[in-house]
C-alpha atoms as a PDB file:
ATOM      1  CA  UNK A   1       2.217-191.221  99.824  1.00  0.00           C
ATOM      2  CA  UNK A   2      -0.228-193.119  97.516  1.00  0.00           C
ATOM      3  CA  UNK A   3      -1.958-196.377  98.366  1.00  0.00           C
ATOM      4  CA  UNK A   4       0.215-199.505  97.961  1.00  0.00           C
ATOM      5  CA  UNK A   5      -1.001-201.716  95.183  1.00  0.00           C
ATOM      6  CA  UNK A   6      -1.429-205.396  94.334  1.00  0.00           C
ATOM      7  CA  UNK A   7      -2.227-207.231  91.063  1.00  0.00           C
ATOM      8  CA  UNK A   8      -3.765-210.164  93.020  1.00  0.00           C
ATOM      9  CA  UNK A   9      -7.581-209.990  92.460  1.00  0.00           C
ATOM     10  CA  UNK A  10      -9.694-209.444  95.595  1.00  0.00           C
ATOM     11  CA  UNK A  11     -12.107-211.967  96.958  1.00  0.00           C
ATOM     12  CA  UNK A  12     -15.676-210.423  96.115  1.00  0.00           C
ATOM     13  CA  UNK A  13     -17.195-212.991  98.775  1.00  0.00           C
ATOM     14  CA  UNK A  14     -14.454-212.193 101.323  1.00  0.00           C
ATOM     15  CA  UNK A  15     -15.148-212.925 104.843  1.00  0.00           C
ATOM     16  CA  UNK A  16     -15.595-209.084 105.800  1.00  0.00           C
ATOM     17  CA  UNK A  17     -16.267-206.707 102.949  1.00  0.00           C
ATOM     18  CA  UNK A  18     -16.514-202.957 103.543  1.00  0.00           C
ATOM     19  CA  UNK A  19     -18.605-201.101 101.043  1.00  0.00           C
ATOM     20  CA  UNK A  20     -18.373-197.390 100.243  1.00  0.00           C
ATOM     21  CA  UNK A  21     -21.385-195.630  98.750  1.00  0.00           C
ATOM     22  CA  UNK A  22     -22.541-192.026  98.146  1.00  0.00           C
ATOM     23  CA  UNK A  23     -20.685-188.752  98.961  1.00  0.00           C
ATOM     24  CA  UNK A  24     -17.298-189.809 100.669  1.00  0.00           C
ATOM     25  CA  UNK A  25     -13.627-189.401  99.928  1.00  0.00           C
ATOM     26  CA  UNK A  26     -10.951-192.040 100.311  1.00  0.00           C
ATOM     27  CA  UNK A  27      -7.492-191.185 100.826  1.00  0.00           C
ATOM     28  CA  UNK A  28      -4.358-192.882 102.106  1.00  0.00           C
ATOM     29  CA  UNK A  29      -3.153-192.037 105.604  1.00  0.00           C
ATOM     30  CA  UNK A  30       0.302-192.334 107.318  1.00  0.00           C
ATOM     31  CA  UNK A  31      -0.392-195.552 108.980  1.00  0.00           C
ATOM     32  CA  UNK A  32      -0.680-197.512 105.649  1.00  0.00           C
ATOM     33  CA  UNK A  33      -4.315-197.266 106.163  1.00  0.00           C
ATOM     34  CA  UNK A  34      -7.402-195.495 104.545  1.00  0.00           C
ATOM     35  CA  UNK A  35      -9.274-192.366 105.877  1.00  0.00           C
ATOM     36  CA  UNK A  36     -12.827-192.151 104.634  1.00  0.00           C
ATOM     37  CA  UNK A  37     -14.182-188.378 104.793  1.00  0.00           C
ATOM     38  CA  UNK A  38     -17.842-188.382 104.826  1.00  0.00           C
ATOM     39  CA  UNK A  39     -19.333-185.370 103.322  1.00  0.00           C
ATOM     40  CA  UNK A  40     -21.593-183.943 105.926  1.00  0.00           C
ATOM     41  CA  UNK A  41     -22.608-180.603 104.375  1.00  0.00           C
ATOM     42  CA  UNK A  42     -25.313-181.672 101.873  1.00  0.00           C
ATOM     43  CA  UNK A  43     -29.003-181.582 103.160  1.00  0.00           C
ATOM     44  CA  UNK A  44     -30.041-184.205 100.728  1.00  0.00           C
ATOM     45  CA  UNK A  45     -27.592-186.903 101.804  1.00  0.00           C
ATOM     46  CA  UNK A  46     -27.767-189.033 104.951  1.00  0.00           C
ATOM     47  CA  UNK A  47     -25.003-191.249 106.316  1.00  0.00           C
ATOM     48  CA  UNK A  48     -25.995-194.797 107.490  1.00  0.00           C
ATOM     49  CA  UNK A  49     -23.485-197.714 108.442  1.00  0.00           C
ATOM     50  CA  UNK A  50     -25.092-200.836 108.382  1.00  0.00           C
ATOM     51  CA  UNK A  51     -23.954-204.341 108.975  1.00  0.00           C
ATOM     52  CA  UNK A  52     -25.085-206.959 106.742  1.00  0.00           C
ATOM     53  CA  UNK A  53     -24.806-210.619 108.221  1.00  0.00           C
ATOM     54  CA  UNK A  54     -25.032-213.433 105.461  1.00  0.00           C
ATOM     55  CA  UNK A  55     -25.380-216.825 107.073  1.00  0.00           C
ATOM     56  CA  UNK A  56     -25.011-219.726 104.968  1.00  0.00           C
ATOM     57  CA  UNK A  57     -28.434-220.863 103.336  1.00  0.00           C
ATOM     58  CA  UNK A  58     -30.253-217.785 104.818  1.00  0.00           C
ATOM     59  CA  UNK A  59     -31.383-214.448 103.675  1.00  0.00           C
ATOM     60  CA  UNK A  60     -29.193-211.684 104.821  1.00  0.00           C
ATOM     61  CA  UNK A  61     -29.924-209.871 108.046  1.00  0.00           C
ATOM     62  CA  UNK A  62     -29.290-206.015 108.526  1.00  0.00           C
ATOM     63  CA  UNK A  63     -28.126-204.416 111.707  1.00  0.00           C
ATOM     64  CA  UNK A  64     -28.076-200.529 111.764  1.00  0.00           C
ATOM     65  CA  UNK A  65     -25.148-199.153 113.321  1.00  0.00           C
ATOM     66  CA  UNK A  66     -25.196-195.305 112.560  1.00  0.00           C
ATOM     67  CA  UNK A  67     -27.925-193.112 111.334  1.00  0.00           C
ATOM     68  CA  UNK A  68     -26.763-189.481 111.020  1.00  0.00           C
ATOM     69  CA  UNK A  69     -23.388-187.457 110.800  1.00  0.00           C
ATOM     70  CA  UNK A  70     -20.535-188.956 112.727  1.00  0.00           C
ATOM     71  CA  UNK A  71     -19.627-187.191 116.121  1.00  0.00           C
ATOM     72  CA  UNK A  72     -16.273-189.159 116.421  1.00  0.00           C
ATOM     73  CA  UNK A  73     -14.309-191.134 114.110  1.00  0.00           C
ATOM     74  CA  UNK A  74     -15.677-194.622 113.107  1.00  0.00           C
ATOM     75  CA  UNK A  75     -12.832-197.425 113.023  1.00  0.00           C
ATOM     76  CA  UNK A  76     -12.708-200.680 111.346  1.00  0.00           C
ATOM     77  CA  UNK A  77      -9.532-202.309 112.356  1.00  0.00           C
ATOM     78  CA  UNK A  78      -8.150-205.749 111.722  1.00  0.00           C
ATOM     79  CA  UNK A  79      -6.443-207.008 114.935  1.00  0.00           C
ATOM     80  CA  UNK A  80      -4.125-208.015 116.236  1.00  0.00           C
ATOM     81  CA  UNK A  81      -2.241-208.012 112.911  1.00  0.00           C
ATOM     82  CA  UNK A  82      -3.427-205.821 110.068  1.00  0.00           C
ATOM     83  CA  UNK A  83      -0.719-207.486 107.883  1.00  0.00           C
ATOM     84  CA  UNK A  84       0.339-205.287 104.897  1.00  0.00           C
ATOM     85  CA  UNK A  85      -2.257-202.614 105.544  1.00  0.00           C
ATOM     86  CA  UNK A  86      -4.422-201.399 102.811  1.00  0.00           C
ATOM     87  CA  UNK A  87      -3.792-202.120  99.269  1.00  0.00           C
ATOM     88  CA  UNK A  88      -5.531-201.119  95.849  1.00  0.00           C
ATOM     89  CA  UNK A  89      -6.284-203.760  93.089  1.00  0.00           C
ATOM     90  CA  UNK A  90      -4.896-202.734  89.774  1.00  0.00           C
ATOM     91  CA  UNK A  91      -4.385-204.897  86.679  1.00  0.00           C
ATOM     92  CA  UNK A  92      -2.648-203.554  83.465  1.00  0.00           C
ATOM     93  CA  UNK A  93      -0.342-200.738  82.295  1.00  0.00           C
ATOM     94  CA  UNK A  94      -0.008-197.309  83.746  1.00  0.00           C
ATOM     95  CA  UNK A  95      -1.450-194.716  82.808  1.00  0.00           C
ATOM     96  CA  UNK A  96      -4.830-196.257  83.284  1.00  0.00           C
ATOM     97  CA  UNK A  97      -6.833-195.787  79.995  1.00  0.00           C
ATOM     98  CA  UNK A  98     -10.567-196.005  80.777  1.00  0.00           C
ATOM     99  CA  UNK A  99     -11.448-196.568  77.008  1.00  0.00           C
ATOM    100  CA  UNK A 100      -9.248-199.952  76.675  1.00  0.00           C
ATOM    101  CA  UNK A 101     -11.497-202.811  75.932  1.00  0.00           C
ATOM    102  CA  UNK A 102      -9.650-205.495  78.202  1.00  0.00           C
ATOM    103  CA  UNK A 103      -9.619-203.317  81.481  1.00  0.00           C
ATOM    104  CA  UNK A 104     -10.520-205.230  84.697  1.00  0.00           C
ATOM    105  CA  UNK A 105     -13.982-204.420  85.884  1.00  0.00           C
ATOM    106  CA  UNK A 106     -12.512-204.688  89.553  1.00  0.00           C
ATOM    107  CA  UNK A 107      -9.518-202.370  88.908  1.00  0.00           C
ATOM    108  CA  UNK A 108      -9.336-199.477  91.466  1.00  0.00           C
ATOM    109  CA  UNK A 109      -8.293-196.994  88.893  1.00  0.00           C
ATOM    110  CA  UNK A 110     -11.669-196.623  87.724  1.00  0.00           C
ATOM    111  CA  UNK A 111     -12.436-194.572  90.756  1.00  0.00           C
ATOM    112  CA  UNK A 112     -12.598-190.639  89.881  1.00  0.00           C
ATOM    113  CA  UNK A 113      -9.281-189.221  91.523  1.00  0.00           C
ATOM    114  CA  UNK A 114      -9.780-185.617  92.612  1.00  0.00           C
ATOM    115  CA  UNK A 115      -6.027-185.212  92.918  1.00  0.00           C
ATOM    116  CA  UNK A 116      -5.791-186.012  89.430  1.00  0.00           C
ATOM    117  CA  UNK A 117      -8.015-183.066  88.562  1.00  0.00           C
ATOM    118  CA  UNK A 118      -6.712-180.887  91.505  1.00  0.00           C
ATOM    119  CA  UNK A 119      -3.137-181.777  92.524  1.00  0.00           C
ATOM    120  CA  UNK A 120      -2.684-181.482  96.179  1.00  0.00           C
ATOM    121  CA  UNK A 121      -6.435-181.565  96.812  1.00  0.00           C
ATOM    122  CA  UNK A 122      -7.639-182.668 100.192  1.00  0.00           C
ATOM    123  CA  UNK A 123     -10.824-182.543 102.213  1.00  0.00           C
ATOM    124  CA  UNK A 124     -11.742-179.913 104.845  1.00  0.00           C
ATOM    125  CA  UNK A 125     -13.735-180.114 108.077  1.00  0.00           C
ATOM    126  CA  UNK A 126     -17.230-180.568 106.087  1.00  0.00           C
ATOM    127  CA  UNK A 127     -15.873-184.244 105.545  1.00  0.00           C
ATOM    128  CA  UNK A 128     -14.687-184.880 109.308  1.00  0.00           C
ATOM    129  CA  UNK A 129     -14.791-186.762 111.674  1.00  0.00           C
ATOM    130  CA  UNK A 130     -13.621-189.579 109.374  1.00  0.00           C
ATOM    131  CA  UNK A 131     -14.165-193.252 109.275  1.00  0.00           C
ATOM    132  CA  UNK A 132     -10.756-195.297 109.031  1.00  0.00           C
ATOM    133  CA  UNK A 133      -9.713-198.691 107.757  1.00  0.00           C
ATOM    134  CA  UNK A 134      -6.532-200.269 108.653  1.00  0.00           C
ATOM    135  CA  UNK A 135      -6.505-203.380 106.248  1.00  0.00           C
ATOM    136  CA  UNK A 136      -7.986-204.900 103.148  1.00  0.00           C
ATOM    137  CA  UNK A 137      -7.850-204.563  99.346  1.00  0.00           C
ATOM    138  CA  UNK A 138      -9.680-201.615  97.847  1.00  0.00           C
ATOM    139  CA  UNK A 139     -11.220-202.282  94.477  1.00  0.00           C
ATOM    140  CA  UNK A 140     -14.351-201.271  92.186  1.00  0.00           C
ATOM    141  CA  UNK A 141     -17.386-203.074  93.235  1.00  0.00           C
ATOM    142  CA  UNK A 142     -19.772-201.586  90.700  1.00  0.00           C
ATOM    143  CA  UNK A 143     -19.080-199.802  87.423  1.00  0.00           C
ATOM    144  CA  UNK A 144     -21.320-197.209  85.676  1.00  0.00           C
ATOM    145  CA  UNK A 145     -23.030-198.440  82.513  1.00  0.00           C
ATOM    146  CA  UNK A 146     -21.487-197.649  79.100  1.00  0.00           C
ATOM    147  CA  UNK A 147     -24.619-196.391  77.817  1.00  0.00           C
ATOM    148  CA  UNK A 148     -24.582-193.282  79.981  1.00  0.00           C
ATOM    149  CA  UNK A 149     -21.381-192.011  78.001  1.00  0.00           C
ATOM    150  CA  UNK A 150     -20.501-189.431  80.707  1.00  0.00           C
ATOM    151  CA  UNK A 151     -17.965-186.703  80.096  1.00  0.00           C
ATOM    152  CA  UNK A 152     -15.844-184.330  82.445  1.00  0.00           C
ATOM    153  CA  UNK A 153     -16.825-180.927  81.956  1.00  0.00           C
ATOM    154  CA  UNK A 154     -14.514-177.846  82.754  1.00  0.00           C
ATOM    155  CA  UNK A 155     -15.755-174.669  81.210  1.00  0.00           C
ATOM    156  CA  UNK A 156     -15.947-175.424  77.418  1.00  0.00           C
ATOM    157  CA  UNK A 157     -13.728-178.268  77.763  1.00  0.00           C
ATOM    158  CA  UNK A 158     -15.114-181.673  77.647  1.00  0.00           C
ATOM    159  CA  UNK A 159     -13.354-185.042  78.052  1.00  0.00           C
ATOM    160  CA  UNK A 160     -14.995-188.352  77.638  1.00  0.00           C
ATOM    161  CA  UNK A 161     -15.117-190.461  80.887  1.00  0.00           C
ATOM    162  CA  UNK A 162     -16.265-193.712  79.275  1.00  0.00           C
ATOM    163  CA  UNK A 163     -16.790-195.583  82.640  1.00  0.00           C
ATOM    164  CA  UNK A 164     -16.172-195.016  86.336  1.00  0.00           C
ATOM    165  CA  UNK A 165     -16.680-196.551  89.947  1.00  0.00           C
ATOM    166  CA  UNK A 166     -20.317-196.307  91.017  1.00  0.00           C
ATOM    167  CA  UNK A 167     -19.263-197.509  94.220  1.00  0.00           C
ATOM    168  CA  UNK A 168     -16.249-199.085  95.917  1.00  0.00           C
ATOM    169  CA  UNK A 169     -15.419-201.989  98.353  1.00  0.00           C
ATOM    170  CA  UNK A 170     -12.571-203.393 100.391  1.00  0.00           C
ATOM    171  CA  UNK A 171     -11.993-207.108 100.651  1.00  0.00           C
ATOM    172  CA  UNK A 172     -10.736-208.364 104.138  1.00  0.00           C
ATOM    173  CA  UNK A 173      -9.818-212.017 104.203  1.00  0.00           C
ATOM    174  CA  UNK A 174      -9.344-212.778 107.919  1.00  0.00           C
ATOM    175  CA  UNK A 175      -6.634-215.231 109.065  1.00  0.00           C
ATOM    176  CA  UNK A 176      -8.342-217.535 111.728  1.00  0.00           C
ATOM    177  CA  UNK A 177      -6.848-215.738 114.780  1.00  0.00           C
ATOM    178  CA  UNK A 178      -7.826-212.212 113.721  1.00  0.00           C
ATOM    179  CA  UNK A 179     -10.943-210.294 114.236  1.00  0.00           C
ATOM    180  CA  UNK A 180     -12.334-207.123 112.780  1.00  0.00           C
ATOM    181  CA  UNK A 181     -13.092-204.471 115.389  1.00  0.00           C
ATOM    182  CA  UNK A 182     -15.715-202.081 114.674  1.00  0.00           C
ATOM    183  CA  UNK A 183     -15.814-198.905 117.221  1.00  0.00           C
ATOM    184  CA  UNK A 184     -18.015-195.816 116.917  1.00  0.00           C
ATOM    185  CA  UNK A 185     -20.075-193.376 118.963  1.00  0.00           C
ATOM    186  CA  UNK A 186     -23.923-192.888 119.047  1.00  0.00           C
ATOM    187  CA  UNK A 187     -23.378-189.677 120.800  1.00  0.00           C
ATOM    188  CA  UNK A 188     -20.283-187.615 121.810  1.00  0.00           C
ATOM    189  CA  UNK A 189     -18.319-189.629 124.228  1.00  0.00           C
ATOM    190  CA  UNK A 190     -20.640-192.822 124.240  1.00  0.00           C
ATOM    191  CA  UNK A 191     -18.484-195.363 122.322  1.00  0.00           C
ATOM    192  CA  UNK A 192     -19.841-198.766 120.976  1.00  0.00           C
ATOM    193  CA  UNK A 193     -17.750-201.801 119.823  1.00  0.00           C
ATOM    194  CA  UNK A 194     -18.305-204.854 117.834  1.00  0.00           C
ATOM    195  CA  UNK A 195     -16.246-207.777 116.647  1.00  0.00           C
ATOM    196  CA  UNK A 196     -16.240-209.867 113.382  1.00  0.00           C
ATOM    197  CA  UNK A 197     -16.974-212.763 113.145  1.00  0.00           C
ATOM    198  CA  UNK A 198     -19.646-212.644 115.795  1.00  0.00           C
ATOM    199  CA  UNK A 199     -19.144-215.496 118.268  1.00  0.00           C
ATOM    200  CA  UNK A 200     -22.575-217.309 117.715  1.00  0.00           C
ATOM    201  CA  UNK A 201     -22.572-217.052 113.820  1.00  0.00           C
ATOM    202  CA  UNK A 202     -22.214-220.334 111.701  1.00  0.00           C
ATOM    203  CA  UNK A 203     -18.490-220.612 110.578  1.00  0.00           C
ATOM    204  CA  UNK A 204     -19.500-219.870 106.709  1.00  0.00           C
ATOM    205  CA  UNK A 205     -21.092-216.478 107.906  1.00  0.00           C
ATOM    206  CA  UNK A 206     -19.786-213.432 105.774  1.00  0.00           C
ATOM    207  CA  UNK A 207     -20.141-209.692 106.855  1.00  0.00           C
ATOM    208  CA  UNK A 208     -20.475-206.457 104.829  1.00  0.00           C
ATOM    209  CA  UNK A 209     -19.968-203.122 106.566  1.00  0.00           C
ATOM    210  CA  UNK A 210     -21.817-200.809 104.328  1.00  0.00           C
ATOM    211  CA  UNK A 211     -21.004-197.097 104.622  1.00  0.00           C
ATOM    212  CA  UNK A 212     -23.790-195.163 102.781  1.00  0.00           C
ATOM    213  CA  UNK A 213     -24.269-191.578 102.029  1.00  0.00           C
ATOM    214  CA  UNK A 214     -26.803-191.326  99.508  1.00  0.00           C
ATOM    215  CA  UNK A 215     -30.003-189.160  98.994  1.00  0.00           C
ATOM    216  CA  UNK A 216     -33.272-191.119 100.209  1.00  0.00           C
ATOM    217  CA  UNK A 217     -34.785-190.481  96.587  1.00  0.00           C
ATOM    218  CA  UNK A 218     -32.461-190.346  93.338  1.00  0.00           C
ATOM    219  CA  UNK A 219     -33.393-187.762  91.044  1.00  0.00           C
ATOM    220  CA  UNK A 220     -30.889-187.906  88.372  1.00  0.00           C
ATOM    221  CA  UNK A 221     -32.225-184.860  86.511  1.00  0.00           C
ATOM    222  CA  UNK A 222     -31.752-182.686  89.333  1.00  0.00           C
ATOM    223  CA  UNK A 223     -28.135-182.780  90.561  1.00  0.00           C
ATOM    224  CA  UNK A 224     -24.564-183.776  89.519  1.00  0.00           C
ATOM    225  CA  UNK A 225     -22.888-185.650  92.435  1.00  0.00           C
ATOM    226  CA  UNK A 226     -19.203-184.443  91.426  1.00  0.00           C
ATOM    227  CA  UNK A 227     -20.171-180.902  91.888  1.00  0.00           C
ATOM    228  CA  UNK A 228     -21.153-181.234  95.455  1.00  0.00           C
ATOM    229  CA  UNK A 229     -17.724-182.435  96.489  1.00  0.00           C
ATOM    230  CA  UNK A 230     -16.546-179.016  95.993  1.00  0.00           C
ATOM    231  CA  UNK A 231     -18.215-178.121  99.264  1.00  0.00           C
ATOM    232  CA  UNK A 232     -15.584-180.129 101.075  1.00  0.00           C
ATOM    233  CA  UNK A 233     -12.531-180.049  98.902  1.00  0.00           C
ATOM    234  CA  UNK A 234      -9.609-177.574  99.130  1.00  0.00           C
ATOM    235  CA  UNK A 235      -6.001-177.158  97.827  1.00  0.00           C
ATOM    236  CA  UNK A 236      -3.507-175.576 100.265  1.00  0.00           C
ATOM    237  CA  UNK A 237      -6.242-174.620 102.806  1.00  0.00           C
ATOM    238  CA  UNK A 238      -8.348-172.614 100.094  1.00  0.00           C
ATOM    239  CA  UNK A 239     -11.500-173.590  98.463  1.00  0.00           C
ATOM    240  CA  UNK A 240     -11.209-174.293  94.734  1.00  0.00           C
ATOM    241  CA  UNK A 241     -12.752-171.645  92.490  1.00  0.00           C
ATOM    242  CA  UNK A 242     -15.695-172.115  90.597  1.00  0.00           C
ATOM    243  CA  UNK A 243     -13.675-171.599  87.105  1.00  0.00           C
ATOM    244  CA  UNK A 244     -11.506-174.563  87.892  1.00  0.00           C
ATOM    245  CA  UNK A 245     -14.361-177.170  88.987  1.00  0.00           C
ATOM    246  CA  UNK A 246     -15.480-179.841  87.119  1.00  0.00           C
ATOM    247  CA  UNK A 247     -18.773-181.522  86.390  1.00  0.00           C
ATOM    248  CA  UNK A 248     -20.052-184.607  84.900  1.00  0.00           C
ATOM    249  CA  UNK A 249     -22.559-184.500  81.979  1.00  0.00           C
ATOM    250  CA  UNK A 250     -24.557-187.632  80.593  1.00  0.00           C
ATOM    251  CA  UNK A 251     -25.501-187.972  77.160  1.00  0.00           C
ATOM    252  CA  UNK A 252     -27.446-191.299  77.854  1.00  0.00           C
ATOM    253  CA  UNK A 253     -31.009-191.607  79.497  1.00  0.00           C
ATOM    254  CA  UNK A 254     -30.787-189.550  82.502  1.00  0.00           C
ATOM    255  CA  UNK A 255     -33.960-190.927  83.830  1.00  0.00           C
ATOM    256  CA  UNK A 256     -32.039-194.048  84.940  1.00  0.00           C
ATOM    257  CA  UNK A 257     -31.241-194.549  88.507  1.00  0.00           C
ATOM    258  CA  UNK A 258     -27.948-196.086  87.422  1.00  0.00           C
ATOM    259  CA  UNK A 259     -26.508-192.547  87.454  1.00  0.00           C
ATOM    260  CA  UNK A 260     -24.666-193.012  90.705  1.00  0.00           C
ATOM    261  CA  UNK A 261     -23.883-191.003  93.910  1.00  0.00           C
ATOM    262  CA  UNK A 262     -20.246-192.096  93.674  1.00  0.00           C
ATOM    263  CA  UNK A 263     -17.318-192.073  96.240  1.00  0.00           C
ATOM    264  CA  UNK A 264     -14.314-190.455  94.993  1.00  0.00           C
ATOM    265  CA  UNK A 265     -10.513-190.836  96.025  1.00  0.00           C
ATOM    266  CA  UNK A 266      -7.701-188.598  96.867  1.00  0.00           C
ATOM    267  CA  UNK A 267      -4.493-190.701  95.808  1.00  0.00           C
ATOM    268  CA  UNK A 268      -1.360-188.937  94.969  1.00  0.00           C
ATOM    269  CA  UNK A 269       0.911-189.632  91.825  1.00  0.00           C
ATOM    270  CA  UNK A 270       3.641-191.971  92.340  1.00  0.00           C
ATOM    271  CA  UNK A 271       5.830-189.635  90.241  1.00  0.00           C
END
């Protein structure tokens, strides 16, 4: 089943925000939540999970939670009541037209959907264990620059891809009685936990849980991030053959660090 949708715009300064950047794949799960597969087969990318604590009238502080590949699932759960679970923010008609001038910049459909390119695509063990999220509104938090004029390339076929999600986020507006519970392992069998909001933080404190799977140095001339996903993608248990794979080309200035290491989604069609 695809993600449920909402036309209500997410709060970009929510009490808790979960941010996704780098090589990871988001897909709906059977519990009306979201599974986040973290690409672990690239030797140029490294996972970090960082909690950013933003207290009122103070610079943000950073708390590093995970460095290196997950050994067990990383859970982000609203408790006791996740409400309606995960929804995606969309605004405007279907099908989504990336070239339309009045698209909402937060629309989730800016994300590259690998199931639109390869029906039935899923990620394999190369993107497991997963992170999970049980509530929130998913949206595009950063769009690529128009000047990059990217194209999807498959063999000799080139399709304009005017803009796409450079990263994604989930807004979680917590009712007063709810908390966000983070649970993870620092090594197999050794679980850690953290509750948000933290008890000693001021009332107007906000939190961002950042999942980053980026290279330490961006070199836009040397790699195409989309091609790296084919290390962990499969259809019906089989790898996707090279002649069916896509890449992205950029006609703009490829020396810019604005070329993203973007997450992608695996969201089935509603048809």
